[in-house]
Amino acid sequence: MPAEVKKEIQLEIAHVLFIDIVGYSKLSVNEQHARVEDLNEVVRLSEQFRKAEAAGRLLKIPTGDGMALVFYTSPEAPAQCAVEISSALKEHRACNFGWEFTADQSAALLM
């Protein structure tokens, strides 16, 4: 009989932030591409993203018109990241991105 191979399974808890661009399908192809690039830039500049990525504790999954960020750090990390992203988008909407947010859309960024 072959020797039994015992594999030890190590489980980890992950905390996920889902990000979606509201109204994406109504944009032209060029605008869609620009919005995704802008969003990627803002996300990459957020402190929580950089800290988790530097520690090797982040998984980024593109979803077409957004992304899922899987943090293997703390439960607060995705919430704090959402606040950082929302603040950055609000600060830059007039100058760089031209994004306009309704109150509902701003709240959706935080969820």
C-alpha atoms as a PDB file:
ATOM      1  CA  MET A   1       0.000   0.000   0.000  1.00  0.00           C
ATOM      2  CA  PRO A   2       1.234   3.475  -0.766  1.00  0.00           C
ATOM      3  CA  ALA A   3       2.244   5.569   2.187  1.00  0.00           C
ATOM      4  CA  GLU A   4      -0.461   7.934   3.320  1.00  0.00           C
ATOM      5  CA  VAL A   5       0.248  11.542   2.623  1.00  0.00           C
ATOM      6  CA  LYS A   6      -1.113  13.771   5.302  1.00  0.00           C
ATOM      7  CA  LYS A   7      -1.818  17.273   4.155  1.00  0.00           C
ATOM      8  CA  GLU A   8      -2.428  19.895   6.724  1.00  0.00           C
ATOM      9  CA  ILE A   9      -5.083  22.340   5.636  1.00  0.00           C
ATOM     10  CA  GLN A  10      -4.563  25.871   6.780  1.00  0.00           C
ATOM     11  CA  LEU A  11      -7.691  27.993   6.749  1.00  0.00           C
ATOM     12  CA  GLU A  12      -7.703  31.769   6.686  1.00  0.00           C
ATOM     13  CA  ILE A  13     -10.444  34.310   7.090  1.00  0.00           C
ATOM     14  CA  ALA A  14     -10.690  36.888   4.327  1.00  0.00           C
ATOM     15  CA  HIS A  15     -12.573  40.176   4.199  1.00  0.00           C
ATOM     16  CA  VAL A  16     -13.862  41.302   0.808  1.00  0.00           C
ATOM     17  CA  LEU A  17     -14.581  44.714  -0.706  1.00  0.00           C
ATOM     18  CA  PHE A  18     -16.637  44.649  -3.904  1.00  0.00           C
ATOM     19  CA  ILE A  19     -16.376  47.736  -6.108  1.00  0.00           C
ATOM     20  CA  ASP A  20     -18.659  48.425  -9.060  1.00  0.00           C
ATOM     21  CA  ILE A  21     -18.871  51.387 -11.443  1.00  0.00           C
ATOM     22  CA  VAL A  22     -22.492  52.537 -11.448  1.00  0.00           C
ATOM     23  CA  GLY A  23     -23.824  53.264 -14.948  1.00  0.00           C
ATOM     24  CA  TYR A  24     -20.875  51.547 -16.629  1.00  0.00           C
ATOM     25  CA  SER A  25     -22.927  49.936 -19.403  1.00  0.00           C
ATOM     26  CA  LYS A  26     -24.361  53.314 -20.427  1.00  0.00           C
ATOM     27  CA  LEU A  27     -20.888  54.709 -21.170  1.00  0.00           C
ATOM     28  CA  SER A  28     -19.111  54.576 -24.493  1.00  0.00           C
ATOM     29  CA  VAL A  29     -16.336  51.986 -24.843  1.00  0.00           C
ATOM     30  CA  ASN A  30     -13.687  54.693 -24.520  1.00  0.00           C
ATOM     31  CA  GLU A  31     -15.355  56.081 -21.385  1.00  0.00           C
ATOM     32  CA  GLN A  32     -15.641  52.583 -19.920  1.00  0.00           C
ATOM     33  CA  HIS A  33     -11.939  51.976 -20.422  1.00  0.00           C
ATOM     34  CA  ALA A  34     -11.052  55.372 -18.945  1.00  0.00           C
ATOM     35  CA  ARG A  35     -13.257  54.824 -15.884  1.00  0.00           C
ATOM     36  CA  VAL A  36     -11.745  51.416 -15.157  1.00  0.00           C
ATOM     37  CA  GLU A  37      -8.225  52.847 -15.489  1.00  0.00           C
ATOM     38  CA  ASP A  38      -9.130  55.771 -13.215  1.00  0.00           C
ATOM     39  CA  LEU A  39     -10.637  53.437 -10.640  1.00  0.00           C
ATOM     40  CA  ASN A  40      -7.574  51.170 -10.725  1.00  0.00           C
ATOM     41  CA  GLU A  41      -5.321  54.172 -10.159  1.00  0.00           C
ATOM     42  CA  VAL A  42      -7.341  55.424  -7.192  1.00  0.00           C
ATOM     43  CA  VAL A  43      -7.503  51.954  -5.642  1.00  0.00           C
ATOM     44  CA  ARG A  44      -3.749  51.392  -6.052  1.00  0.00           C
ATOM     45  CA  LEU A  45      -3.069  54.708  -4.290  1.00  0.00           C
ATOM     46  CA  SER A  46      -5.191  53.893  -1.234  1.00  0.00           C
ATOM     47  CA  GLU A  47      -3.200  53.260   1.918  1.00  0.00           C
ATOM     48  CA  GLN A  48      -5.015  50.045   2.862  1.00  0.00           C
ATOM     49  CA  PHE A  49      -4.451  48.582  -0.596  1.00  0.00           C
ATOM     50  CA  ARG A  50      -0.732  49.449  -0.538  1.00  0.00           C
ATOM     51  CA  LYS A  51      -0.222  48.092   2.979  1.00  0.00           C
ATOM     52  CA  ALA A  52      -1.989  44.795   2.292  1.00  0.00           C
ATOM     53  CA  GLU A  53      -0.288  44.379  -1.087  1.00  0.00           C
ATOM     54  CA  ALA A  54       3.167  45.078   0.367  1.00  0.00           C
ATOM     55  CA  ALA A  55       2.537  42.455   3.058  1.00  0.00           C
ATOM     56  CA  GLY A  56       1.361  39.931   0.450  1.00  0.00           C
ATOM     57  CA  ARG A  57      -2.042  39.840   2.111  1.00  0.00           C
ATOM     58  CA  LEU A  58      -4.260  41.054  -0.747  1.00  0.00           C
ATOM     59  CA  LEU A  59      -5.915  39.427  -3.726  1.00  0.00           C
ATOM     60  CA  LYS A  60      -7.311  41.678  -6.481  1.00  0.00           C
ATOM     61  CA  ILE A  61      -9.940  40.143  -8.766  1.00  0.00           C
ATOM     62  CA  PRO A  62     -11.054  42.244 -11.777  1.00  0.00           C
ATOM     63  CA  THR A  63     -14.770  42.021 -12.534  1.00  0.00           C
ATOM     64  CA  GLY A  64     -15.021  44.003 -15.769  1.00  0.00           C
ATOM     65  CA  ASP A  65     -16.615  47.152 -14.412  1.00  0.00           C
ATOM     66  CA  GLY A  66     -15.058  46.989 -10.983  1.00  0.00           C
ATOM     67  CA  MET A  67     -13.169  44.592  -8.769  1.00  0.00           C
ATOM     68  CA  ALA A  68     -13.180  42.502  -5.665  1.00  0.00           C
ATOM     69  CA  LEU A  69     -10.410  43.158  -3.170  1.00  0.00           C
ATOM     70  CA  VAL A  70      -9.799  40.257  -0.802  1.00  0.00           C
ATOM     71  CA  PHE A  71      -7.947  41.362   2.317  1.00  0.00           C
ATOM     72  CA  TYR A  72      -6.254  38.785   4.519  1.00  0.00           C
ATOM     73  CA  THR A  73      -5.450  41.406   7.134  1.00  0.00           C
ATOM     74  CA  SER A  74      -8.218  42.758   9.361  1.00  0.00           C
ATOM     75  CA  PRO A  75     -11.990  43.134   9.062  1.00  0.00           C
ATOM     76  CA  GLU A  76     -11.525  46.901   9.131  1.00  0.00           C
ATOM     77  CA  ALA A  77      -9.212  46.957   6.100  1.00  0.00           C
ATOM     78  CA  PRO A  78     -11.876  46.715   3.365  1.00  0.00           C
ATOM     79  CA  ALA A  79     -14.116  49.251   5.107  1.00  0.00           C
ATOM     80  CA  GLN A  80     -11.240  51.684   5.538  1.00  0.00           C
ATOM     81  CA  CYS A  81     -10.179  51.079   1.941  1.00  0.00           C
ATOM     82  CA  ALA A  82     -13.720  51.901   0.775  1.00  0.00           C
ATOM     83  CA  VAL A  83     -13.640  55.177   2.712  1.00  0.00           C
ATOM     84  CA  GLU A  84     -10.239  56.050   1.221  1.00  0.00           C
ATOM     85  CA  ILE A  85     -11.411  55.259  -2.320  1.00  0.00           C
ATOM     86  CA  SER A  86     -14.658  57.184  -1.883  1.00  0.00           C
ATOM     87  CA  SER A  87     -12.826  60.220  -0.530  1.00  0.00           C
ATOM     88  CA  ALA A  88     -10.256  60.119  -3.322  1.00  0.00           C
ATOM     89  CA  LEU A  89     -12.936  59.863  -6.010  1.00  0.00           C
ATOM     90  CA  LYS A  90     -14.872  62.768  -4.497  1.00  0.00           C
ATOM     91  CA  GLU A  91     -11.707  64.905  -4.340  1.00  0.00           C
ATOM     92  CA  HIS A  92     -10.750  64.155  -7.924  1.00  0.00           C
ATOM     93  CA  ARG A  93     -14.138  64.044  -9.609  1.00  0.00           C
ATOM     94  CA  ALA A  94     -14.030  67.668 -10.679  1.00  0.00           C
ATOM     95  CA  CYS A  95     -10.406  67.858 -11.762  1.00  0.00           C
ATOM     96  CA  ASN A  96      -9.342  64.455 -13.091  1.00  0.00           C
ATOM     97  CA  PHE A  97     -12.183  62.028 -13.389  1.00  0.00           C
ATOM     98  CA  GLY A  98     -15.280  64.054 -14.166  1.00  0.00           C
ATOM     99  CA  TRP A  99     -17.281  61.524 -12.172  1.00  0.00           C
ATOM    100  CA  GLU A 100     -20.503  62.727 -10.622  1.00  0.00           C
ATOM    101  CA  PHE A 101     -22.044  60.947  -7.656  1.00  0.00           C
ATOM    102  CA  THR A 102     -25.549  61.000  -6.315  1.00  0.00           C
ATOM    103  CA  ALA A 103     -25.950  60.449  -2.576  1.00  0.00           C
ATOM    104  CA  ASP A 104     -26.970  56.825  -3.257  1.00  0.00           C
ATOM    105  CA  GLN A 105     -23.930  56.176  -5.440  1.00  0.00           C
ATOM    106  CA  SER A 106     -21.564  57.660  -2.841  1.00  0.00           C
ATOM    107  CA  ALA A 107     -23.127  55.454  -0.195  1.00  0.00           C
ATOM    108  CA  ALA A 108     -22.771  52.434  -2.501  1.00  0.00           C
ATOM    109  CA  LEU A 109     -19.024  53.041  -2.669  1.00  0.00           C
ATOM    110  CA  LEU A 110     -18.857  52.573   1.074  1.00  0.00           C
ATOM    111  CA  MET A 111     -20.645  49.221   1.083  1.00  0.00           C
END
